[in-house]
Amino acid sequence: MTKKQIALQAVEALKREYKEAICSLEYSDPLHLLIATRLAAQCTDARVNMVTPALFERFPDAQAFAQATYDEVAQYIKSCGLYKTKSRDLVELGKKLVAEFDGKVPDTLEELITLPGIGRKTANLVMGDVYHKPAVVVDTHCIRITRRLGLHNEKDAKKIEFILRDLLPQDESSDFCHRIVLHGRAVCTARKPMCENCCMSEFCRKKP
């Protein structure tokens, strides 16, 4: 079985197992998803969802973040960890959006990764979920599970992103990545994968 065939079978198996491919971060507009994803670095989505309502009530748009101080933003996000770095990024991100993008979140990966604190993973998430463009979000679950499936033998997220772009149907790639996260949390865990309960066990390259 080729890697392309494995990828296509994985897409279909995960679609059957997880009907809804949804982001676990709660947001109401592109900026909120962008910021929530930045806050989720080394923090759980559940914790971020607890923090963002008050944060976005105080800072509803890019202009509000641009006019804020680092310390003011930090007060709202302390429980997310790395709050000093994240608060600086959010203020500088707001400034750049206002100065260069009329306060709006851009819709291309090339523009998104120019924003402070925004890497390819976050950019791809925004592109896929908000703008419905082909996107591959490579997080720890995606890296682990696609390697176990035999789709690559890489550790570098950017290399894996390009490999998966070639293997996955463009219109399925974003949803596939959401389902991989759900599967990684429920079945194919880092410490002890439950292969006997896996919907992909018939074609996965990893042996129980």
N, C-alpha and C. Protein backbone atom coordinates (compact mmCIF):
# COMPACT_ATOMS: atom_id res chain seq x y z
N MET A 1 0.84 -1.19 0.00
CA MET A 1 0.00 0.00 0.00
C MET A 1 0.89 1.25 0.00
N THR A 2 0.61 2.18 -0.90
CA THR A 2 1.40 3.40 -0.98
C THR A 2 1.02 4.37 0.13
N LYS A 3 1.88 5.38 0.34
CA LYS A 3 1.58 6.39 1.35
C LYS A 3 0.30 7.16 0.99
N LYS A 4 0.11 7.40 -0.29
CA LYS A 4 -1.09 8.10 -0.75
C LYS A 4 -2.33 7.27 -0.41
N GLN A 5 -2.26 5.98 -0.62
CA GLN A 5 -3.40 5.11 -0.31
C GLN A 5 -3.67 5.07 1.19
N ILE A 6 -2.61 5.00 1.99
CA ILE A 6 -2.77 5.03 3.45
C ILE A 6 -3.43 6.34 3.88
N ALA A 7 -2.96 7.45 3.32
CA ALA A 7 -3.52 8.76 3.68
C ALA A 7 -5.00 8.84 3.35
N LEU A 8 -5.38 8.34 2.19
CA LEU A 8 -6.80 8.38 1.78
C LEU A 8 -7.65 7.49 2.68
N GLN A 9 -7.12 6.33 3.05
CA GLN A 9 -7.86 5.45 3.96
C GLN A 9 -7.98 6.09 5.34
N ALA A 10 -6.93 6.78 5.78
CA ALA A 10 -6.97 7.46 7.08
C ALA A 10 -8.03 8.55 7.08
N VAL A 11 -8.11 9.29 6.00
CA VAL A 11 -9.13 10.34 5.88
C VAL A 11 -10.52 9.76 6.06
N GLU A 12 -10.80 8.67 5.36
CA GLU A 12 -12.13 8.08 5.40
C GLU A 12 -12.43 7.43 6.75
N ALA A 13 -11.44 6.76 7.33
CA ALA A 13 -11.63 6.11 8.63
C ALA A 13 -11.93 7.14 9.72
N LEU A 14 -11.20 8.24 9.70
CA LEU A 14 -11.41 9.28 10.71
C LEU A 14 -12.74 9.99 10.50
N LYS A 15 -13.17 10.14 9.25
CA LYS A 15 -14.47 10.75 8.97
C LYS A 15 -15.60 9.91 9.55
N ARG A 16 -15.45 8.60 9.46
CA ARG A 16 -16.48 7.71 10.03
C ARG A 16 -16.47 7.76 11.55
N GLU A 17 -15.29 7.87 12.13
CA GLU A 17 -15.14 7.82 13.59
C GLU A 17 -15.53 9.13 14.25
N TYR A 18 -15.17 10.22 13.60
CA TYR A 18 -15.41 11.55 14.18
C TYR A 18 -16.20 12.37 13.16
N LYS A 19 -17.50 12.38 13.31
CA LYS A 19 -18.37 13.01 12.32
C LYS A 19 -18.08 14.49 12.17
N GLU A 20 -17.90 15.16 13.30
CA GLU A 20 -17.66 16.60 13.25
C GLU A 20 -16.17 16.87 13.45
N ALA A 21 -15.62 17.59 12.49
CA ALA A 21 -14.21 18.00 12.61
C ALA A 21 -14.19 19.46 13.05
N ILE A 22 -14.10 19.66 14.34
CA ILE A 22 -14.22 21.03 14.86
C ILE A 22 -13.00 21.39 15.71
N CYS A 23 -12.72 22.66 15.71
CA CYS A 23 -11.66 23.20 16.56
C CYS A 23 -12.19 23.32 17.98
N SER A 24 -11.41 22.89 18.94
CA SER A 24 -11.88 22.94 20.33
C SER A 24 -11.72 24.33 20.96
N LEU A 25 -11.05 25.23 20.26
CA LEU A 25 -10.97 26.61 20.74
C LEU A 25 -12.25 27.35 20.37
N GLU A 26 -12.76 28.15 21.30
CA GLU A 26 -14.00 28.88 21.07
C GLU A 26 -13.67 30.29 20.58
N TYR A 27 -14.32 30.71 19.48
CA TYR A 27 -14.02 32.02 18.92
C TYR A 27 -15.22 32.51 18.11
N SER A 28 -15.27 33.81 17.88
CA SER A 28 -16.39 34.38 17.14
C SER A 28 -15.94 35.13 15.89
N ASP A 29 -14.65 35.36 15.73
CA ASP A 29 -14.16 36.02 14.52
C ASP A 29 -12.70 35.64 14.28
N PRO A 30 -12.14 35.98 13.13
CA PRO A 30 -10.76 35.57 12.80
C PRO A 30 -9.73 36.01 13.83
N LEU A 31 -9.85 37.23 14.34
CA LEU A 31 -8.88 37.71 15.31
C LEU A 31 -8.92 36.89 16.60
N HIS A 32 -10.11 36.55 17.03
CA HIS A 32 -10.24 35.77 18.26
C HIS A 32 -9.62 34.39 18.12
N LEU A 33 -9.78 33.76 16.95
CA LEU A 33 -9.15 32.46 16.74
C LEU A 33 -7.63 32.61 16.70
N LEU A 34 -7.16 33.64 16.03
CA LEU A 34 -5.71 33.89 15.95
C LEU A 34 -5.11 34.04 17.34
N ILE A 35 -5.76 34.83 18.17
CA ILE A 35 -5.24 35.08 19.52
C ILE A 35 -5.40 33.85 20.41
N ALA A 36 -6.54 33.19 20.33
CA ALA A 36 -6.75 31.99 21.15
C ALA A 36 -5.70 30.92 20.82
N THR A 37 -5.36 30.78 19.55
CA THR A 37 -4.36 29.79 19.16
C THR A 37 -2.99 30.17 19.68
N ARG A 38 -2.68 31.46 19.67
CA ARG A 38 -1.40 31.90 20.25
C ARG A 38 -1.36 31.59 21.74
N LEU A 39 -2.45 31.80 22.43
CA LEU A 39 -2.49 31.53 23.87
C LEU A 39 -2.40 30.05 24.17
N ALA A 40 -2.81 29.20 23.21
CA ALA A 40 -2.85 27.76 23.44
C ALA A 40 -1.47 27.10 23.42
N ALA A 41 -0.45 27.84 23.04
CA ALA A 41 0.91 27.27 23.05
C ALA A 41 1.29 26.89 24.47
N GLN A 42 1.61 25.61 24.68
CA GLN A 42 1.96 25.07 25.99
C GLN A 42 0.87 25.36 27.03
N CYS A 43 -0.37 25.28 26.57
CA CYS A 43 -1.53 25.47 27.44
C CYS A 43 -2.69 24.69 26.84
N THR A 44 -3.60 24.24 27.67
CA THR A 44 -4.73 23.46 27.16
C THR A 44 -5.76 24.37 26.52
N ASP A 45 -6.49 23.84 25.53
CA ASP A 45 -7.56 24.60 24.91
C ASP A 45 -8.65 24.94 25.93
N ALA A 46 -8.88 24.03 26.86
CA ALA A 46 -9.90 24.27 27.88
C ALA A 46 -9.56 25.50 28.72
N ARG A 47 -8.30 25.63 29.09
CA ARG A 47 -7.86 26.78 29.87
C ARG A 47 -7.99 28.06 29.05
N VAL A 48 -7.60 28.01 27.79
CA VAL A 48 -7.72 29.18 26.93
C VAL A 48 -9.18 29.62 26.81
N ASN A 49 -10.09 28.66 26.68
CA ASN A 49 -11.51 29.00 26.57
C ASN A 49 -12.05 29.64 27.84
N MET A 50 -11.42 29.37 28.96
CA MET A 50 -11.82 30.01 30.22
C MET A 50 -11.34 31.45 30.28
N VAL A 51 -10.22 31.73 29.64
CA VAL A 51 -9.57 33.03 29.73
C VAL A 51 -10.11 34.03 28.69
N THR A 52 -10.40 33.55 27.49
CA THR A 52 -10.68 34.48 26.39
C THR A 52 -11.96 35.31 26.51
N PRO A 53 -13.04 34.85 27.14
CA PRO A 53 -14.22 35.73 27.21
C PRO A 53 -13.92 37.09 27.84
N ALA A 54 -13.25 37.10 28.98
CA ALA A 54 -12.93 38.37 29.63
C ALA A 54 -11.90 39.16 28.82
N LEU A 55 -10.94 38.45 28.23
CA LEU A 55 -9.92 39.11 27.41
C LEU A 55 -10.55 39.83 26.23
N PHE A 56 -11.46 39.15 25.53
CA PHE A 56 -12.06 39.76 24.34
C PHE A 56 -13.13 40.79 24.68
N GLU A 57 -13.68 40.70 25.87
CA GLU A 57 -14.61 41.75 26.29
C GLU A 57 -13.84 43.06 26.49
N ARG A 58 -12.65 42.93 27.06
CA ARG A 58 -11.82 44.12 27.30
C ARG A 58 -11.11 44.59 26.03
N PHE A 59 -10.68 43.65 25.20
CA PHE A 59 -9.96 43.97 23.96
C PHE A 59 -10.69 43.31 22.79
N PRO A 60 -11.72 43.93 22.27
CA PRO A 60 -12.57 43.27 21.27
C PRO A 60 -12.00 43.23 19.85
N ASP A 61 -11.02 44.09 19.56
CA ASP A 61 -10.50 44.14 18.19
C ASP A 61 -9.02 44.48 18.19
N ALA A 62 -8.45 44.51 16.99
CA ALA A 62 -7.01 44.76 16.85
C ALA A 62 -6.62 46.13 17.40
N GLN A 63 -7.48 47.11 17.18
CA GLN A 63 -7.20 48.46 17.67
C GLN A 63 -7.06 48.47 19.19
N ALA A 64 -7.92 47.74 19.88
CA ALA A 64 -7.86 47.70 21.34
C ALA A 64 -6.57 47.06 21.82
N PHE A 65 -6.15 45.97 21.18
CA PHE A 65 -4.87 45.35 21.55
C PHE A 65 -3.71 46.28 21.25
N ALA A 66 -3.78 46.98 20.12
CA ALA A 66 -2.69 47.88 19.73
C ALA A 66 -2.50 49.01 20.73
N GLN A 67 -3.57 49.43 21.37
CA GLN A 67 -3.50 50.54 22.32
C GLN A 67 -3.22 50.09 23.75
N ALA A 68 -3.16 48.80 23.98
CA ALA A 68 -2.97 48.26 25.33
C ALA A 68 -1.49 48.24 25.70
N THR A 69 -1.25 48.08 27.00
CA THR A 69 0.11 47.85 27.47
C THR A 69 0.32 46.36 27.68
N TYR A 70 1.58 45.95 27.67
CA TYR A 70 1.88 44.54 27.90
C TYR A 70 1.34 44.08 29.25
N ASP A 71 1.54 44.90 30.26
CA ASP A 71 1.12 44.51 31.62
C ASP A 71 -0.39 44.37 31.72
N GLU A 72 -1.12 45.23 31.03
CA GLU A 72 -2.58 45.18 31.09
C GLU A 72 -3.09 43.87 30.48
N VAL A 73 -2.56 43.51 29.33
CA VAL A 73 -2.97 42.26 28.68
C VAL A 73 -2.56 41.07 29.54
N ALA A 74 -1.38 41.16 30.13
CA ALA A 74 -0.86 40.04 30.94
C ALA A 74 -1.79 39.68 32.08
N GLN A 75 -2.48 40.66 32.65
CA GLN A 75 -3.37 40.40 33.77
C GLN A 75 -4.49 39.43 33.41
N TYR A 76 -4.87 39.42 32.13
CA TYR A 76 -5.97 38.58 31.68
C TYR A 76 -5.53 37.17 31.28
N ILE A 77 -4.24 36.98 31.04
CA ILE A 77 -3.79 35.71 30.47
C ILE A 77 -2.77 34.98 31.33
N LYS A 78 -2.59 35.40 32.57
CA LYS A 78 -1.56 34.80 33.42
C LYS A 78 -1.69 33.29 33.55
N SER A 79 -2.90 32.79 33.62
CA SER A 79 -3.09 31.36 33.84
C SER A 79 -2.78 30.52 32.60
N CYS A 80 -2.51 31.17 31.46
CA CYS A 80 -2.18 30.43 30.23
C CYS A 80 -0.70 30.07 30.14
N GLY A 81 0.11 30.57 31.05
CA GLY A 81 1.53 30.28 30.99
C GLY A 81 2.24 31.17 29.97
N LEU A 82 3.54 31.39 30.20
CA LEU A 82 4.35 32.23 29.31
C LEU A 82 3.67 33.56 29.03
N TYR A 83 3.00 34.09 30.05
CA TYR A 83 2.12 35.23 29.82
C TYR A 83 2.87 36.50 29.43
N LYS A 84 4.11 36.66 29.86
CA LYS A 84 4.86 37.87 29.50
C LYS A 84 5.15 37.89 28.01
N THR A 85 5.59 36.77 27.48
CA THR A 85 5.86 36.68 26.05
C THR A 85 4.57 36.80 25.24
N LYS A 86 3.54 36.11 25.70
CA LYS A 86 2.27 36.12 24.97
C LYS A 86 1.62 37.50 24.98
N SER A 87 1.68 38.21 26.11
CA SER A 87 1.07 39.53 26.18
C SER A 87 1.78 40.50 25.24
N ARG A 88 3.10 40.40 25.17
CA ARG A 88 3.86 41.24 24.24
C ARG A 88 3.46 40.95 22.80
N ASP A 89 3.35 39.65 22.48
CA ASP A 89 2.97 39.26 21.12
C ASP A 89 1.59 39.80 20.74
N LEU A 90 0.64 39.72 21.68
CA LEU A 90 -0.73 40.16 21.37
C LEU A 90 -0.80 41.66 21.10
N VAL A 91 -0.05 42.44 21.89
CA VAL A 91 -0.04 43.89 21.67
C VAL A 91 0.64 44.23 20.34
N GLU A 92 1.79 43.61 20.09
CA GLU A 92 2.51 43.88 18.85
C GLU A 92 1.74 43.37 17.63
N LEU A 93 1.04 42.25 17.81
CA LEU A 93 0.20 41.72 16.74
C LEU A 93 -0.90 42.74 16.39
N GLY A 94 -1.53 43.29 17.43
CA GLY A 94 -2.56 44.30 17.21
C GLY A 94 -2.01 45.51 16.46
N LYS A 95 -0.83 45.95 16.83
CA LYS A 95 -0.21 47.10 16.17
C LYS A 95 0.05 46.83 14.70
N LYS A 96 0.55 45.64 14.40
CA LYS A 96 0.87 45.30 13.01
C LYS A 96 -0.40 45.16 12.17
N LEU A 97 -1.44 44.56 12.76
CA LEU A 97 -2.70 44.43 12.03
C LEU A 97 -3.27 45.80 11.69
N VAL A 98 -3.22 46.72 12.64
CA VAL A 98 -3.74 48.06 12.41
C VAL A 98 -2.90 48.81 11.38
N ALA A 99 -1.60 48.70 11.50
CA ALA A 99 -0.69 49.47 10.64
C ALA A 99 -0.64 48.94 9.20
N GLU A 100 -0.72 47.61 9.06
CA GLU A 100 -0.47 47.03 7.73
C GLU A 100 -1.67 46.32 7.10
N PHE A 101 -2.67 45.96 7.91
CA PHE A 101 -3.78 45.18 7.37
C PHE A 101 -5.15 45.79 7.68
N ASP A 102 -5.16 47.07 7.97
CA ASP A 102 -6.43 47.77 8.25
C ASP A 102 -7.20 47.12 9.39
N GLY A 103 -6.47 46.51 10.32
CA GLY A 103 -7.09 45.92 11.50
C GLY A 103 -7.70 44.56 11.26
N LYS A 104 -7.54 44.03 10.05
CA LYS A 104 -8.15 42.74 9.71
C LYS A 104 -7.10 41.64 9.63
N VAL A 105 -7.52 40.41 9.91
CA VAL A 105 -6.62 39.26 9.86
C VAL A 105 -6.44 38.84 8.40
N PRO A 106 -5.21 38.81 7.90
CA PRO A 106 -4.99 38.42 6.49
C PRO A 106 -5.36 36.97 6.24
N ASP A 107 -5.51 36.62 4.96
CA ASP A 107 -5.99 35.28 4.62
C ASP A 107 -4.97 34.43 3.88
N THR A 108 -3.70 34.85 3.89
CA THR A 108 -2.66 34.03 3.27
C THR A 108 -1.63 33.63 4.31
N LEU A 109 -1.05 32.47 4.13
CA LEU A 109 -0.04 31.99 5.06
C LEU A 109 1.15 32.94 5.09
N GLU A 110 1.54 33.43 3.92
CA GLU A 110 2.72 34.31 3.82
C GLU A 110 2.53 35.58 4.65
N GLU A 111 1.32 36.11 4.67
CA GLU A 111 1.07 37.32 5.46
C GLU A 111 0.88 36.99 6.93
N LEU A 112 0.20 35.91 7.21
CA LEU A 112 -0.07 35.54 8.61
C LEU A 112 1.21 35.30 9.40
N ILE A 113 2.19 34.66 8.79
CA ILE A 113 3.42 34.34 9.54
C ILE A 113 4.32 35.56 9.75
N THR A 114 3.95 36.71 9.19
CA THR A 114 4.69 37.93 9.48
C THR A 114 4.22 38.56 10.79
N LEU A 115 3.10 38.08 11.33
CA LEU A 115 2.56 38.65 12.56
C LEU A 115 3.33 38.14 13.77
N PRO A 116 3.57 38.98 14.77
CA PRO A 116 4.31 38.57 15.96
C PRO A 116 3.70 37.36 16.65
N GLY A 117 4.53 36.35 16.90
CA GLY A 117 4.10 35.17 17.63
C GLY A 117 3.32 34.16 16.81
N ILE A 118 3.14 34.40 15.53
CA ILE A 118 2.31 33.52 14.69
C ILE A 118 3.21 32.68 13.78
N GLY A 119 3.15 31.37 13.97
CA GLY A 119 3.92 30.45 13.15
C GLY A 119 3.02 29.74 12.14
N ARG A 120 3.58 28.77 11.48
CA ARG A 120 2.85 28.08 10.40
C ARG A 120 1.64 27.31 10.93
N LYS A 121 1.75 26.73 12.12
CA LYS A 121 0.63 25.96 12.66
C LYS A 121 -0.59 26.85 12.87
N THR A 122 -0.40 27.98 13.51
CA THR A 122 -1.50 28.91 13.74
C THR A 122 -2.02 29.48 12.43
N ALA A 123 -1.12 29.83 11.54
CA ALA A 123 -1.52 30.39 10.24
C ALA A 123 -2.38 29.40 9.47
N ASN A 124 -1.99 28.14 9.46
CA ASN A 124 -2.75 27.12 8.76
C ASN A 124 -4.12 26.92 9.39
N LEU A 125 -4.19 26.97 10.72
CA LEU A 125 -5.47 26.82 11.40
C LEU A 125 -6.44 27.92 11.00
N VAL A 126 -5.95 29.15 10.99
CA VAL A 126 -6.80 30.28 10.60
C VAL A 126 -7.22 30.16 9.14
N MET A 127 -6.29 29.80 8.28
CA MET A 127 -6.61 29.66 6.86
C MET A 127 -7.69 28.60 6.63
N GLY A 128 -7.55 27.48 7.33
CA GLY A 128 -8.51 26.40 7.12
C GLY A 128 -9.85 26.65 7.76
N ASP A 129 -9.85 27.10 9.01
CA ASP A 129 -11.11 27.24 9.75
C ASP A 129 -11.88 28.51 9.41
N VAL A 130 -11.16 29.59 9.17
CA VAL A 130 -11.82 30.88 8.93
C VAL A 130 -12.04 31.14 7.45
N TYR A 131 -11.00 30.90 6.67
CA TYR A 131 -11.07 31.25 5.25
C TYR A 131 -11.31 30.04 4.34
N HIS A 132 -11.39 28.86 4.94
CA HIS A 132 -11.74 27.64 4.21
C HIS A 132 -10.83 27.38 3.01
N LYS A 133 -9.55 27.60 3.25
CA LYS A 133 -8.54 27.31 2.25
C LYS A 133 -7.82 26.01 2.62
N PRO A 134 -7.21 25.34 1.65
CA PRO A 134 -6.45 24.12 1.98
C PRO A 134 -5.39 24.43 3.02
N ALA A 135 -5.35 23.64 4.08
CA ALA A 135 -4.41 23.91 5.17
C ALA A 135 -4.06 22.62 5.89
N VAL A 136 -2.84 22.55 6.37
CA VAL A 136 -2.39 21.39 7.15
C VAL A 136 -1.81 21.90 8.46
N VAL A 137 -2.51 21.61 9.54
CA VAL A 137 -2.10 22.05 10.88
C VAL A 137 -1.29 20.92 11.53
N VAL A 138 -0.01 21.14 11.65
CA VAL A 138 0.88 20.10 12.17
C VAL A 138 1.17 20.37 13.65
N ASP A 139 0.46 19.66 14.52
CA ASP A 139 0.73 19.74 15.95
C ASP A 139 1.34 18.42 16.42
N THR A 140 1.49 18.25 17.72
CA THR A 140 2.16 17.05 18.24
C THR A 140 1.36 15.79 17.90
N HIS A 141 0.04 15.87 17.93
CA HIS A 141 -0.79 14.71 17.59
C HIS A 141 -0.59 14.32 16.12
N CYS A 142 -0.60 15.33 15.26
CA CYS A 142 -0.44 15.09 13.84
C CYS A 142 0.92 14.47 13.54
N ILE A 143 1.96 15.02 14.14
CA ILE A 143 3.31 14.49 13.93
C ILE A 143 3.38 13.03 14.34
N ARG A 144 2.88 12.74 15.53
CA ARG A 144 2.97 11.38 16.09
C ARG A 144 2.16 10.37 15.28
N ILE A 145 0.92 10.70 15.00
CA ILE A 145 0.03 9.72 14.37
C ILE A 145 0.38 9.50 12.90
N THR A 146 0.69 10.56 12.18
CA THR A 146 1.04 10.37 10.77
C THR A 146 2.36 9.62 10.62
N ARG A 147 3.25 9.76 11.61
CA ARG A 147 4.48 8.96 11.58
C ARG A 147 4.15 7.49 11.85
N ARG A 148 3.29 7.24 12.82
CA ARG A 148 2.90 5.86 13.13
C ARG A 148 2.20 5.21 11.93
N LEU A 149 1.44 5.99 11.20
CA LEU A 149 0.75 5.47 10.02
C LEU A 149 1.73 5.10 8.91
N GLY A 150 2.94 5.66 8.99
CA GLY A 150 3.93 5.38 7.95
C GLY A 150 3.96 6.41 6.85
N LEU A 151 3.38 7.58 7.08
CA LEU A 151 3.33 8.60 6.05
C LEU A 151 4.64 9.38 5.93
N HIS A 152 5.47 9.31 6.95
CA HIS A 152 6.76 9.99 6.92
C HIS A 152 7.60 9.47 8.08
N ASN A 153 8.85 9.88 8.10
CA ASN A 153 9.73 9.56 9.22
C ASN A 153 10.44 10.84 9.67
N GLU A 154 9.69 11.92 9.71
CA GLU A 154 10.25 13.23 10.02
C GLU A 154 9.87 13.70 11.42
N LYS A 155 10.61 14.67 11.90
CA LYS A 155 10.28 15.32 13.16
C LYS A 155 10.02 16.81 12.96
N ASP A 156 10.48 17.35 11.86
CA ASP A 156 10.34 18.77 11.57
C ASP A 156 8.92 19.07 11.06
N ALA A 157 8.23 19.96 11.75
CA ALA A 157 6.82 20.23 11.44
C ALA A 157 6.64 20.79 10.03
N LYS A 158 7.53 21.64 9.58
CA LYS A 158 7.38 22.23 8.25
C LYS A 158 7.53 21.17 7.16
N LYS A 159 8.50 20.27 7.33
CA LYS A 159 8.68 19.19 6.36
C LYS A 159 7.44 18.28 6.32
N ILE A 160 6.91 18.00 7.50
CA ILE A 160 5.70 17.15 7.57
C ILE A 160 4.52 17.84 6.91
N GLU A 161 4.40 19.14 7.12
CA GLU A 161 3.31 19.90 6.48
C GLU A 161 3.33 19.72 4.96
N PHE A 162 4.50 19.85 4.36
CA PHE A 162 4.59 19.75 2.90
C PHE A 162 4.37 18.31 2.42
N ILE A 163 4.82 17.34 3.21
CA ILE A 163 4.55 15.94 2.86
C ILE A 163 3.06 15.67 2.85
N LEU A 164 2.37 16.14 3.90
CA LEU A 164 0.93 15.89 4.00
C LEU A 164 0.14 16.67 2.95
N ARG A 165 0.64 17.83 2.56
CA ARG A 165 -0.03 18.59 1.50
C ARG A 165 -0.07 17.78 0.20
N ASP A 166 0.97 17.02 -0.03
CA ASP A 166 1.03 16.19 -1.24
C ASP A 166 0.17 14.94 -1.13
N LEU A 167 -0.02 14.43 0.10
CA LEU A 167 -0.72 13.17 0.29
C LEU A 167 -2.22 13.31 0.50
N LEU A 168 -2.64 14.42 1.10
CA LEU A 168 -4.05 14.59 1.47
C LEU A 168 -4.83 15.35 0.40
N PRO A 169 -6.09 15.01 0.18
CA PRO A 169 -6.94 15.82 -0.69
C PRO A 169 -7.06 17.23 -0.11
N GLN A 170 -6.94 18.24 -0.96
CA GLN A 170 -6.94 19.61 -0.46
C GLN A 170 -8.20 19.95 0.32
N ASP A 171 -9.33 19.46 -0.14
CA ASP A 171 -10.59 19.81 0.52
C ASP A 171 -10.83 19.02 1.81
N GLU A 172 -9.93 18.10 2.13
CA GLU A 172 -10.07 17.29 3.34
C GLU A 172 -8.98 17.59 4.37
N SER A 173 -7.95 18.31 3.97
CA SER A 173 -6.75 18.41 4.80
C SER A 173 -7.00 19.08 6.15
N SER A 174 -7.75 20.17 6.16
CA SER A 174 -7.99 20.89 7.41
C SER A 174 -8.81 20.04 8.39
N ASP A 175 -9.88 19.43 7.89
CA ASP A 175 -10.72 18.58 8.75
C ASP A 175 -9.94 17.35 9.22
N PHE A 176 -9.11 16.80 8.36
CA PHE A 176 -8.27 15.66 8.75
C PHE A 176 -7.43 16.00 9.97
N CYS A 177 -6.86 17.18 9.98
CA CYS A 177 -5.99 17.58 11.10
C CYS A 177 -6.79 17.75 12.39
N HIS A 178 -8.01 18.25 12.30
CA HIS A 178 -8.86 18.35 13.49
C HIS A 178 -9.18 16.95 14.03
N ARG A 179 -9.48 16.04 13.13
CA ARG A 179 -9.83 14.68 13.55
C ARG A 179 -8.62 13.95 14.13
N ILE A 180 -7.45 14.23 13.61
CA ILE A 180 -6.22 13.64 14.15
C ILE A 180 -6.03 14.04 15.61
N VAL A 181 -6.34 15.28 15.92
CA VAL A 181 -6.22 15.76 17.32
C VAL A 181 -7.19 14.99 18.21
N LEU A 182 -8.44 14.85 17.76
CA LEU A 182 -9.43 14.11 18.54
C LEU A 182 -8.99 12.67 18.75
N HIS A 183 -8.44 12.07 17.70
CA HIS A 183 -7.99 10.68 17.79
C HIS A 183 -6.76 10.56 18.69
N GLY A 184 -5.90 11.54 18.63
CA GLY A 184 -4.70 11.51 19.47
C GLY A 184 -5.02 11.65 20.95
N ARG A 185 -6.06 12.38 21.26
CA ARG A 185 -6.46 12.53 22.66
C ARG A 185 -7.19 11.30 23.18
N ALA A 186 -7.99 10.67 22.29
CA ALA A 186 -8.86 9.58 22.74
C ALA A 186 -8.26 8.19 22.60
N VAL A 187 -7.46 7.96 21.55
CA VAL A 187 -7.02 6.60 21.24
C VAL A 187 -5.51 6.49 21.04
N CYS A 188 -5.00 7.22 20.08
CA CYS A 188 -3.58 7.09 19.72
C CYS A 188 -2.73 8.05 20.54
N THR A 189 -2.70 7.80 21.84
CA THR A 189 -2.01 8.69 22.76
C THR A 189 -0.49 8.51 22.66
N ALA A 190 0.23 9.47 23.17
CA ALA A 190 1.69 9.43 23.09
C ALA A 190 2.26 8.30 23.93
N ARG A 191 1.72 8.13 25.13
CA ARG A 191 2.31 7.15 26.05
C ARG A 191 1.91 5.72 25.73
N LYS A 192 0.63 5.51 25.46
CA LYS A 192 0.16 4.14 25.25
C LYS A 192 -0.98 4.11 24.23
N PRO A 193 -0.64 3.98 22.95
CA PRO A 193 -1.70 3.93 21.93
C PRO A 193 -2.57 2.69 22.11
N MET A 194 -3.87 2.89 22.00
CA MET A 194 -4.81 1.79 22.15
C MET A 194 -5.16 1.22 20.78
N CYS A 195 -4.22 0.48 20.22
CA CYS A 195 -4.36 -0.01 18.85
C CYS A 195 -5.59 -0.90 18.67
N GLU A 196 -5.98 -1.60 19.73
CA GLU A 196 -7.13 -2.48 19.63
C GLU A 196 -8.43 -1.70 19.44
N ASN A 197 -8.42 -0.41 19.77
CA ASN A 197 -9.61 0.42 19.62
C ASN A 197 -9.50 1.39 18.45
N CYS A 198 -8.47 1.24 17.64
CA CYS A 198 -8.18 2.24 16.61
C CYS A 198 -8.89 1.93 15.29
N CYS A 199 -9.50 2.94 14.72
CA CYS A 199 -10.21 2.80 13.45
C CYS A 199 -9.27 2.67 12.27
N MET A 200 -7.97 2.83 12.51
CA MET A 200 -6.99 2.75 11.43
C MET A 200 -6.03 1.58 11.59
N SER A 201 -6.32 0.68 12.51
CA SER A 201 -5.39 -0.39 12.83
C SER A 201 -5.12 -1.33 11.64
N GLU A 202 -6.08 -1.46 10.74
CA GLU A 202 -5.91 -2.41 9.62
C GLU A 202 -4.82 -1.98 8.66
N PHE A 203 -4.58 -0.69 8.55
CA PHE A 203 -3.56 -0.24 7.59
C PHE A 203 -2.43 0.57 8.23
N CYS A 204 -2.47 0.75 9.54
CA CYS A 204 -1.41 1.49 10.23
C CYS A 204 -0.12 0.66 10.22
N ARG A 205 0.99 1.34 10.05
CA ARG A 205 2.30 0.66 9.99
C ARG A 205 2.84 0.33 11.37
N LYS A 206 2.29 0.99 12.38
CA LYS A 206 2.76 0.69 13.75
C LYS A 206 2.13 -0.61 14.22
N LYS A 207 2.96 -1.51 14.75
CA LYS A 207 2.44 -2.77 15.27
C LYS A 207 2.11 -2.63 16.74
N PRO A 208 1.00 -3.21 17.16
CA PRO A 208 0.62 -3.14 18.58
C PRO A 208 1.71 -3.73 19.47
